[in-house]
Structures are given as C-alpha cells and as structure tokens.
Amino acid sequence: MAVSNIWDHLNLPDQDEALLEDLAAAAWAYVGNVTGAPVPDPAPPALEQAVRMLIGHWYENREGTSADGVRPVPFGFDELVQSYRRWVV
C-alpha cells in the first residue's frame, strides 16, 4: 500500500512519511499475526481497510494509554480480519 494512500485516508498533508511507513509495516505484520497467515499479495480490500484503520489509530494514539485510558483497536477492525483468520487446533 502506498504511503500516499494512507495520507489520503487520514486526510494528512504530505508529512511524516517515515513514521507512516513504519506504522504501515507494523500494521501489516500485526494483521498477519492476527490472521495466523501471511497476508496475500495483493491484499484483499478488507485487509487493506483494516490496515488503514490500524495505522490511523496508531497515528492518532501514539502512546498505549492516555489520560482518557487505554485506547482499543478501532471498531470494525476485528470484523474485517475475522474471515481471513486461520484457525488451528
């Protein structure tokens, strides 16, 4: 996913490119860990949206907690990745 796609999603000016690239790499790795499988290339639109949501969440909440408390992953993230989760018994 291009950083410009993330800028457009977050409605940001062209700045913080290195930070967004780092967040994107971490978000893709996180999605792979949640699903239990490597993310296919090209990624399905649902997983791309989940990654955009996660990047936006991490960009806005750069610390794990705040005065308002813990900030969970955004609503809808789990639903987007659920059908791609590989269940192992």
PDB file of N, CA and C in Angstrom:
ATOM      1  N   MET A   1       0.848  -1.163   0.000  1.00  0.00           N
ATOM      2  CA  MET A   1       0.000   0.000   0.000  1.00  0.00           C
ATOM      3  C   MET A   1       0.901   1.235   0.000  1.00  0.00           C
ATOM      4  N   ALA A   2       0.626   2.144  -0.876  1.00  0.00           N
ATOM      5  CA  ALA A   2       1.436   3.354  -0.995  1.00  0.00           C
ATOM      6  C   ALA A   2       1.167   4.296   0.172  1.00  0.00           C
ATOM      7  N   VAL A   3       2.202   4.990   0.609  1.00  0.00           N
ATOM      8  CA  VAL A   3       2.043   5.955   1.691  1.00  0.00           C
ATOM      9  C   VAL A   3       1.039   7.027   1.295  1.00  0.00           C
ATOM     10  N   SER A   4       0.977   7.381   0.023  1.00  0.00           N
ATOM     11  CA  SER A   4       0.005   8.390  -0.420  1.00  0.00           C
ATOM     12  C   SER A   4      -1.422   7.925  -0.161  1.00  0.00           C
ATOM     13  N   ASN A   5      -1.666   6.618  -0.256  1.00  0.00           N
ATOM     14  CA  ASN A   5      -2.985   6.065   0.048  1.00  0.00           C
ATOM     15  C   ASN A   5      -3.315   6.279   1.521  1.00  0.00           C
ATOM     16  N   ILE A   6      -2.328   6.121   2.383  1.00  0.00           N
ATOM     17  CA  ILE A   6      -2.530   6.329   3.818  1.00  0.00           C
ATOM     18  C   ILE A   6      -2.783   7.803   4.101  1.00  0.00           C
ATOM     19  N   TRP A   7      -2.000   8.696   3.458  1.00  0.00           N
ATOM     20  CA  TRP A   7      -2.221  10.136   3.638  1.00  0.00           C
ATOM     21  C   TRP A   7      -3.648  10.504   3.267  1.00  0.00           C
ATOM     22  N   ASP A   8      -4.119   9.989   2.131  1.00  0.00           N
ATOM     23  CA  ASP A   8      -5.476  10.299   1.692  1.00  0.00           C
ATOM     24  C   ASP A   8      -6.500   9.796   2.697  1.00  0.00           C
ATOM     25  N   HIS A   9      -6.299   8.583   3.207  1.00  0.00           N
ATOM     26  CA  HIS A   9      -7.242   8.008   4.167  1.00  0.00           C
ATOM     27  C   HIS A   9      -7.280   8.820   5.459  1.00  0.00           C
ATOM     28  N   LEU A  10      -6.122   9.257   5.921  1.00  0.00           N
ATOM     29  CA  LEU A  10      -6.047  10.005   7.173  1.00  0.00           C
ATOM     30  C   LEU A  10      -6.244  11.501   6.980  1.00  0.00           C
ATOM     31  N   ASN A  11      -6.361  11.931   5.716  1.00  0.00           N
ATOM     32  CA  ASN A  11      -6.529  13.343   5.395  1.00  0.00           C
ATOM     33  C   ASN A  11      -5.372  14.171   5.961  1.00  0.00           C
ATOM     34  N   LEU A  12      -4.155  13.703   5.682  1.00  0.00           N
ATOM     35  CA  LEU A  12      -2.954  14.366   6.173  1.00  0.00           C
ATOM     36  C   LEU A  12      -2.221  15.054   5.031  1.00  0.00           C
ATOM     37  N   PRO A  13      -1.517  16.125   5.344  1.00  0.00           N
ATOM     38  CA  PRO A  13      -0.616  16.684   4.334  1.00  0.00           C
ATOM     39  C   PRO A  13       0.566  15.732   4.158  1.00  0.00           C
ATOM     40  N   ASP A  14       1.336  15.938   3.111  1.00  0.00           N
ATOM     41  CA  ASP A  14       2.491  15.067   2.843  1.00  0.00           C
ATOM     42  C   ASP A  14       3.589  15.316   3.874  1.00  0.00           C
ATOM     43  N   GLN A  15       3.457  14.660   4.989  1.00  0.00           N
ATOM     44  CA  GLN A  15       4.453  14.775   6.054  1.00  0.00           C
ATOM     45  C   GLN A  15       4.506  13.456   6.806  1.00  0.00           C
ATOM     46  N   ASP A  16       5.444  13.335   7.670  1.00  0.00           N
ATOM     47  CA  ASP A  16       5.575  12.127   8.497  1.00  0.00           C
ATOM     48  C   ASP A  16       5.689  10.855   7.664  1.00  0.00           C
ATOM     49  N   GLU A  17       6.335  10.946   6.503  1.00  0.00           N
ATOM     50  CA  GLU A  17       6.430   9.784   5.616  1.00  0.00           C
ATOM     51  C   GLU A  17       7.113   8.602   6.300  1.00  0.00           C
ATOM     52  N   ALA A  18       8.215   8.838   6.972  1.00  0.00           N
ATOM     53  CA  ALA A  18       8.938   7.741   7.628  1.00  0.00           C
ATOM     54  C   ALA A  18       8.082   7.105   8.714  1.00  0.00           C
ATOM     55  N   LEU A  19       7.383   7.931   9.485  1.00  0.00           N
ATOM     56  CA  LEU A  19       6.510   7.400  10.535  1.00  0.00           C
ATOM     57  C   LEU A  19       5.397   6.557   9.932  1.00  0.00           C
ATOM     58  N   LEU A  20       4.759   7.045   8.869  1.00  0.00           N
ATOM     59  CA  LEU A  20       3.677   6.288   8.241  1.00  0.00           C
ATOM     60  C   LEU A  20       4.180   4.982   7.641  1.00  0.00           C
ATOM     61  N   GLU A  21       5.372   4.992   7.070  1.00  0.00           N
ATOM     62  CA  GLU A  21       5.942   3.748   6.537  1.00  0.00           C
ATOM     63  C   GLU A  21       6.198   2.747   7.653  1.00  0.00           C
ATOM     64  N   ASP A  22       6.704   3.229   8.788  1.00  0.00           N
ATOM     65  CA  ASP A  22       6.925   2.345   9.936  1.00  0.00           C
ATOM     66  C   ASP A  22       5.603   1.799  10.466  1.00  0.00           C
ATOM     67  N   LEU A  23       4.600   2.667  10.574  1.00  0.00           N
ATOM     68  CA  LEU A  23       3.290   2.224  11.052  1.00  0.00           C
ATOM     69  C   LEU A  23       2.667   1.217  10.090  1.00  0.00           C
ATOM     70  N   ALA A  24       2.851   1.442   8.787  1.00  0.00           N
ATOM     71  CA  ALA A  24       2.304   0.512   7.794  1.00  0.00           C
ATOM     72  C   ALA A  24       2.961  -0.856   7.922  1.00  0.00           C
ATOM     73  N   ALA A  25       4.276  -0.888   8.064  1.00  0.00           N
ATOM     74  CA  ALA A  25       4.973  -2.173   8.212  1.00  0.00           C
ATOM     75  C   ALA A  25       4.500  -2.898   9.464  1.00  0.00           C
ATOM     76  N   ALA A  26       4.363  -2.162  10.561  1.00  0.00           N
ATOM     77  CA  ALA A  26       3.896  -2.773  11.808  1.00  0.00           C
ATOM     78  C   ALA A  26       2.451  -3.247  11.683  1.00  0.00           C
ATOM     79  N   ALA A  27       1.613  -2.471  11.001  1.00  0.00           N
ATOM     80  CA  ALA A  27       0.205  -2.852  10.840  1.00  0.00           C
ATOM     81  C   ALA A  27       0.062  -4.107   9.988  1.00  0.00           C
ATOM     82  N   TRP A  28       0.824  -4.211   8.894  1.00  0.00           N
ATOM     83  CA  TRP A  28       0.768  -5.422   8.067  1.00  0.00           C
ATOM     84  C   TRP A  28       1.231  -6.633   8.864  1.00  0.00           C
ATOM     85  N   ALA A  29       2.291  -6.464   9.654  1.00  0.00           N
ATOM     86  CA  ALA A  29       2.768  -7.574  10.491  1.00  0.00           C
ATOM     87  C   ALA A  29       1.710  -7.959  11.517  1.00  0.00           C
ATOM     88  N   TYR A  30       1.058  -6.974  12.099  1.00  0.00           N
ATOM     89  CA  TYR A  30       0.008  -7.230  13.090  1.00  0.00           C
ATOM     90  C   TYR A  30      -1.149  -7.995  12.462  1.00  0.00           C
ATOM     91  N   VAL A  31      -1.577  -7.579  11.283  1.00  0.00           N
ATOM     92  CA  VAL A  31      -2.668  -8.279  10.593  1.00  0.00           C
ATOM     93  C   VAL A  31      -2.261  -9.719  10.295  1.00  0.00           C
ATOM     94  N   GLY A  32      -1.028  -9.925   9.870  1.00  0.00           N
ATOM     95  CA  GLY A  32      -0.552 -11.288   9.638  1.00  0.00           C
ATOM     96  C   GLY A  32      -0.572 -12.125  10.902  1.00  0.00           C
ATOM     97  N   ASN A  33      -0.199 -11.528  12.022  1.00  0.00           N
ATOM     98  CA  ASN A  33      -0.232 -12.251  13.294  1.00  0.00           C
ATOM     99  C   ASN A  33      -1.657 -12.555  13.732  1.00  0.00           C
ATOM    100  N   VAL A  34      -2.562 -11.605  13.547  1.00  0.00           N
ATOM    101  CA  VAL A  34      -3.959 -11.815  13.937  1.00  0.00           C
ATOM    102  C   VAL A  34      -4.602 -12.907  13.096  1.00  0.00           C
ATOM    103  N   THR A  35      -4.314 -12.910  11.800  1.00  0.00           N
ATOM    104  CA  THR A  35      -4.931 -13.913  10.926  1.00  0.00           C
ATOM    105  C   THR A  35      -4.237 -15.258  11.025  1.00  0.00           C
ATOM    106  N   GLY A  36      -3.011 -15.275  11.486  1.00  0.00           N
ATOM    107  CA  GLY A  36      -2.277 -16.524  11.593  1.00  0.00           C
ATOM    108  C   GLY A  36      -1.717 -17.007  10.272  1.00  0.00           C
ATOM    109  N   ALA A  37      -1.667 -16.121   9.295  1.00  0.00           N
ATOM    110  CA  ALA A  37      -1.161 -16.489   7.969  1.00  0.00           C
ATOM    111  C   ALA A  37      -0.548 -15.255   7.318  1.00  0.00           C
ATOM    112  N   PRO A  38       0.385 -15.457   6.400  1.00  0.00           N
ATOM    113  CA  PRO A  38       0.921 -14.306   5.673  1.00  0.00           C
ATOM    114  C   PRO A  38      -0.194 -13.604   4.891  1.00  0.00           C
ATOM    115  N   VAL A  39      -0.111 -12.299   4.810  1.00  0.00           N
ATOM    116  CA  VAL A  39      -1.101 -11.537   4.049  1.00  0.00           C
ATOM    117  C   VAL A  39      -0.803 -11.729   2.573  1.00  0.00           C
ATOM    118  N   PRO A  40      -1.812 -12.135   1.779  1.00  0.00           N
ATOM    119  CA  PRO A  40      -1.561 -12.344   0.351  1.00  0.00           C
ATOM    120  C   PRO A  40      -1.224 -11.033  -0.355  1.00  0.00           C
ATOM    121  N   ASP A  41      -0.509 -11.165  -1.455  1.00  0.00           N
ATOM    122  CA  ASP A  41      -0.167 -10.003  -2.273  1.00  0.00           C
ATOM    123  C   ASP A  41      -0.718 -10.225  -3.668  1.00  0.00           C
ATOM    124  N   PRO A  42      -1.667  -9.462  -4.124  1.00  0.00           N
ATOM    125  CA  PRO A  42      -2.204  -8.272  -3.472  1.00  0.00           C
ATOM    126  C   PRO A  42      -3.151  -8.639  -2.332  1.00  0.00           C
ATOM    127  N   ALA A  43      -3.215  -7.762  -1.352  1.00  0.00           N
ATOM    128  CA  ALA A  43      -4.076  -7.989  -0.194  1.00  0.00           C
ATOM    129  C   ALA A  43      -5.531  -7.733  -0.567  1.00  0.00           C
ATOM    130  N   PRO A  44      -6.447  -8.499   0.016  1.00  0.00           N
ATOM    131  CA  PRO A  44      -7.870  -8.245  -0.211  1.00  0.00           C
ATOM    132  C   PRO A  44      -8.245  -6.854   0.318  1.00  0.00           C
ATOM    133  N   PRO A  45      -9.238  -6.223  -0.288  1.00  0.00           N
ATOM    134  CA  PRO A  45      -9.648  -4.881   0.144  1.00  0.00           C
ATOM    135  C   PRO A  45      -9.990  -4.795   1.633  1.00  0.00           C
ATOM    136  N   ALA A  46     -10.587  -5.833   2.190  1.00  0.00           N
ATOM    137  CA  ALA A  46     -10.941  -5.798   3.616  1.00  0.00           C
ATOM    138  C   ALA A  46      -9.697  -5.693   4.488  1.00  0.00           C
ATOM    139  N   LEU A  47      -8.639  -6.407   4.127  1.00  0.00           N
ATOM    140  CA  LEU A  47      -7.410  -6.330   4.916  1.00  0.00           C
ATOM    141  C   LEU A  47      -6.711  -4.990   4.712  1.00  0.00           C
ATOM    142  N   GLU A  48      -6.782  -4.438   3.504  1.00  0.00           N
ATOM    143  CA  GLU A  48      -6.214  -3.102   3.279  1.00  0.00           C
ATOM    144  C   GLU A  48      -6.928  -2.067   4.144  1.00  0.00           C
ATOM    145  N   GLN A  49      -8.263  -2.169   4.227  1.00  0.00           N
ATOM    146  CA  GLN A  49      -9.018  -1.231   5.059  1.00  0.00           C
ATOM    147  C   GLN A  49      -8.667  -1.412   6.529  1.00  0.00           C
ATOM    148  N   ALA A  50      -8.517  -2.656   6.976  1.00  0.00           N
ATOM    149  CA  ALA A  50      -8.134  -2.914   8.367  1.00  0.00           C
ATOM    150  C   ALA A  50      -6.777  -2.281   8.669  1.00  0.00           C
ATOM    151  N   VAL A  51      -5.844  -2.395   7.736  1.00  0.00           N
ATOM    152  CA  VAL A  51      -4.517  -1.798   7.917  1.00  0.00           C
ATOM    153  C   VAL A  51      -4.621  -0.278   7.969  1.00  0.00           C
ATOM    154  N   ARG A  52      -5.421   0.320   7.086  1.00  0.00           N
ATOM    155  CA  ARG A  52      -5.595   1.785   7.120  1.00  0.00           C
ATOM    156  C   ARG A  52      -6.183   2.229   8.458  1.00  0.00           C
ATOM    157  N   MET A  53      -7.185   1.484   8.948  1.00  0.00           N
ATOM    158  CA  MET A  53      -7.795   1.827  10.237  1.00  0.00           C
ATOM    159  C   MET A  53      -6.774   1.736  11.366  1.00  0.00           C
ATOM    160  N   LEU A  54      -5.973   0.691  11.342  1.00  0.00           N
ATOM    161  CA  LEU A  54      -4.978   0.490  12.385  1.00  0.00           C
ATOM    162  C   LEU A  54      -3.905   1.577  12.339  1.00  0.00           C
ATOM    163  N   ILE A  55      -3.455   1.922  11.147  1.00  0.00           N
ATOM    164  CA  ILE A  55      -2.465   2.997  11.007  1.00  0.00           C
ATOM    165  C   ILE A  55      -3.037   4.307  11.540  1.00  0.00           C
ATOM    166  N   GLY A  56      -4.272   4.610  11.177  1.00  0.00           N
ATOM    167  CA  GLY A  56      -4.914   5.830  11.668  1.00  0.00           C
ATOM    168  C   GLY A  56      -5.014   5.846  13.183  1.00  0.00           C
ATOM    169  N   HIS A  57      -5.380   4.704  13.745  1.00  0.00           N
ATOM    170  CA  HIS A  57      -5.494   4.587  15.200  1.00  0.00           C
ATOM    171  C   HIS A  57      -4.137   4.805  15.865  1.00  0.00           C
ATOM    172  N   TRP A  58      -3.108   4.141  15.353  1.00  0.00           N
ATOM    173  CA  TRP A  58      -1.775   4.285  15.935  1.00  0.00           C
ATOM    174  C   TRP A  58      -1.219   5.688  15.720  1.00  0.00           C
ATOM    175  N   TYR A  59      -1.544   6.318  14.590  1.00  0.00           N
ATOM    176  CA  TYR A  59      -1.060   7.673  14.325  1.00  0.00           C
ATOM    177  C   TYR A  59      -1.666   8.657  15.323  1.00  0.00           C
ATOM    178  N   GLU A  60      -2.957   8.519  15.570  1.00  0.00           N
ATOM    179  CA  GLU A  60      -3.656   9.429  16.480  1.00  0.00           C
ATOM    180  C   GLU A  60      -3.363   9.127  17.946  1.00  0.00           C
ATOM    181  N   ASN A  61      -3.044   7.889  18.256  1.00  0.00           N
ATOM    182  CA  ASN A  61      -2.809   7.460  19.635  1.00  0.00           C
ATOM    183  C   ASN A  61      -1.420   6.844  19.712  1.00  0.00           C
ATOM    184  N   ARG A  62      -0.414   7.677  19.704  1.00  0.00           N
ATOM    185  CA  ARG A  62       0.962   7.184  19.608  1.00  0.00           C
ATOM    186  C   ARG A  62       1.456   6.527  20.888  1.00  0.00           C
ATOM    187  N   GLU A  63       0.748   6.714  21.952  1.00  0.00           N
ATOM    188  CA  GLU A  63       1.074   6.043  23.211  1.00  0.00           C
ATOM    189  C   GLU A  63      -0.021   5.016  23.484  1.00  0.00           C
ATOM    190  N   GLY A  64       0.286   3.989  24.253  1.00  0.00           N
ATOM    191  CA  GLY A  64      -0.683   2.935  24.545  1.00  0.00           C
ATOM    192  C   GLY A  64      -1.828   3.394  25.422  1.00  0.00           C
ATOM    193  N   THR A  65      -1.571   4.393  26.251  1.00  0.00           N
ATOM    194  CA  THR A  65      -2.608   4.912  27.138  1.00  0.00           C
ATOM    195  C   THR A  65      -2.579   6.427  27.100  1.00  0.00           C
ATOM    196  N   SER A  66      -3.616   7.017  27.661  1.00  0.00           N
ATOM    197  CA  SER A  66      -3.686   8.470  27.761  1.00  0.00           C
ATOM    198  C   SER A  66      -4.437   8.808  29.040  1.00  0.00           C
ATOM    199  N   ALA A  67      -4.670  10.074  29.255  1.00  0.00           N
ATOM    200  CA  ALA A  67      -5.442  10.493  30.421  1.00  0.00           C
ATOM    201  C   ALA A  67      -6.854   9.916  30.368  1.00  0.00           C
ATOM    202  N   ASP A  68      -7.328   9.614  29.159  1.00  0.00           N
ATOM    203  CA  ASP A  68      -8.667   9.045  28.984  1.00  0.00           C
ATOM    204  C   ASP A  68      -8.678   7.535  29.168  1.00  0.00           C
ATOM    205  N   GLY A  69      -7.522   6.909  29.285  1.00  0.00           N
ATOM    206  CA  GLY A  69      -7.442   5.463  29.460  1.00  0.00           C
ATOM    207  C   GLY A  69      -6.890   4.772  28.228  1.00  0.00           C
ATOM    208  N   VAL A  70      -6.973   3.462  28.236  1.00  0.00           N
ATOM    209  CA  VAL A  70      -6.467   2.638  27.136  1.00  0.00           C
ATOM    210  C   VAL A  70      -7.337   2.840  25.909  1.00  0.00           C
ATOM    211  N   ARG A  71      -6.716   2.894  24.761  1.00  0.00           N
ATOM    212  CA  ARG A  71      -7.454   3.064  23.509  1.00  0.00           C
ATOM    213  C   ARG A  71      -7.393   1.762  22.722  1.00  0.00           C
ATOM    214  N   PRO A  72      -8.516   1.058  22.617  1.00  0.00           N
ATOM    215  CA  PRO A  72      -8.518  -0.221  21.887  1.00  0.00           C
ATOM    216  C   PRO A  72      -8.437  -0.012  20.377  1.00  0.00           C
ATOM    217  N   VAL A  73      -8.160  -1.097  19.680  1.00  0.00           N
ATOM    218  CA  VAL A  73      -8.152  -1.070  18.215  1.00  0.00           C
ATOM    219  C   VAL A  73      -9.537  -0.625  17.753  1.00  0.00           C
ATOM    220  N   PRO A  74      -9.640   0.152  16.683  1.00  0.00           N
ATOM    221  CA  PRO A  74     -10.914   0.712  16.254  1.00  0.00           C
ATOM    222  C   PRO A  74     -11.989  -0.330  15.965  1.00  0.00           C
ATOM    223  N   PHE A  75     -13.236   0.078  16.219  1.00  0.00           N
ATOM    224  CA  PHE A  75     -14.389  -0.757  15.910  1.00  0.00           C
ATOM    225  C   PHE A  75     -14.365  -1.109  14.426  1.00  0.00           C
ATOM    226  N   GLY A  76     -14.597  -2.351  14.126  1.00  0.00           N
ATOM    227  CA  GLY A  76     -14.618  -2.813  12.743  1.00  0.00           C
ATOM    228  C   GLY A  76     -13.365  -3.553  12.336  1.00  0.00           C
ATOM    229  N   PHE A  77     -12.257  -3.321  13.026  1.00  0.00           N
ATOM    230  CA  PHE A  77     -11.005  -3.992  12.669  1.00  0.00           C
ATOM    231  C   PHE A  77     -11.162  -5.505  12.764  1.00  0.00           C
ATOM    232  N   ASP A  78     -11.639  -5.978  13.906  1.00  0.00           N
ATOM    233  CA  ASP A  78     -11.786  -7.430  14.096  1.00  0.00           C
ATOM    234  C   ASP A  78     -12.726  -8.036  13.060  1.00  0.00           C
ATOM    235  N   GLU A  79     -13.805  -7.332  12.757  1.00  0.00           N
ATOM    236  CA  GLU A  79     -14.760  -7.838  11.774  1.00  0.00           C
ATOM    237  C   GLU A  79     -14.136  -7.936  10.387  1.00  0.00           C
ATOM    238  N   LEU A  80     -13.270  -7.000  10.046  1.00  0.00           N
ATOM    239  CA  LEU A  80     -12.622  -7.024   8.734  1.00  0.00           C
ATOM    240  C   LEU A  80     -11.635  -8.180   8.591  1.00  0.00           C
ATOM    241  N   VAL A  81     -10.926  -8.521   9.652  1.00  0.00           N
ATOM    242  CA  VAL A  81      -9.914  -9.575   9.550  1.00  0.00           C
ATOM    243  C   VAL A  81     -10.448 -10.956   9.921  1.00  0.00           C
ATOM    244  N   GLN A  82     -11.615 -11.009  10.554  1.00  0.00           N
ATOM    245  CA  GLN A  82     -12.159 -12.278  11.059  1.00  0.00           C
ATOM    246  C   GLN A  82     -12.228 -13.373   9.997  1.00  0.00           C
ATOM    247  N   SER A  83     -12.744 -13.056   8.836  1.00  0.00           N
ATOM    248  CA  SER A  83     -12.929 -14.101   7.817  1.00  0.00           C
ATOM    249  C   SER A  83     -11.601 -14.586   7.221  1.00  0.00           C
ATOM    250  N   TYR A  84     -10.514 -13.873   7.483  1.00  0.00           N
ATOM    251  CA  TYR A  84      -9.200 -14.286   6.984  1.00  0.00           C
ATOM    252  C   TYR A  84      -8.384 -15.015   8.050  1.00  0.00           C
ATOM    253  N   ARG A  85      -8.965 -15.140   9.248  1.00  0.00           N
ATOM    254  CA  ARG A  85      -8.251 -15.783  10.350  1.00  0.00           C
ATOM    255  C   ARG A  85      -8.133 -17.276  10.091  1.00  0.00           C
ATOM    256  N   ARG A  86      -6.942 -17.795  10.283  1.00  0.00           N
ATOM    257  CA  ARG A  86      -6.692 -19.223  10.109  1.00  0.00           C
ATOM    258  C   ARG A  86      -6.743 -19.870  11.488  1.00  0.00           C
ATOM    259  N   TRP A  87      -7.720 -20.735  11.673  1.00  0.00           N
ATOM    260  CA  TRP A  87      -7.910 -21.383  12.966  1.00  0.00           C
ATOM    261  C   TRP A  87      -7.110 -22.674  13.010  1.00  0.00           C
ATOM    262  N   VAL A  88      -6.349 -22.826  14.058  1.00  0.00           N
ATOM    263  CA  VAL A  88      -5.526 -24.020  14.234  1.00  0.00           C
ATOM    264  C   VAL A  88      -5.886 -24.637  15.578  1.00  0.00           C
ATOM    265  N   VAL A  89      -6.085 -25.944  15.553  1.00  0.00           N
ATOM    266  CA  VAL A  89      -6.430 -26.644  16.799  1.00  0.00           C
ATOM    267  C   VAL A  89      -5.273 -27.511  17.217  1.00  0.00           C
TER     268      VAL A  89
END
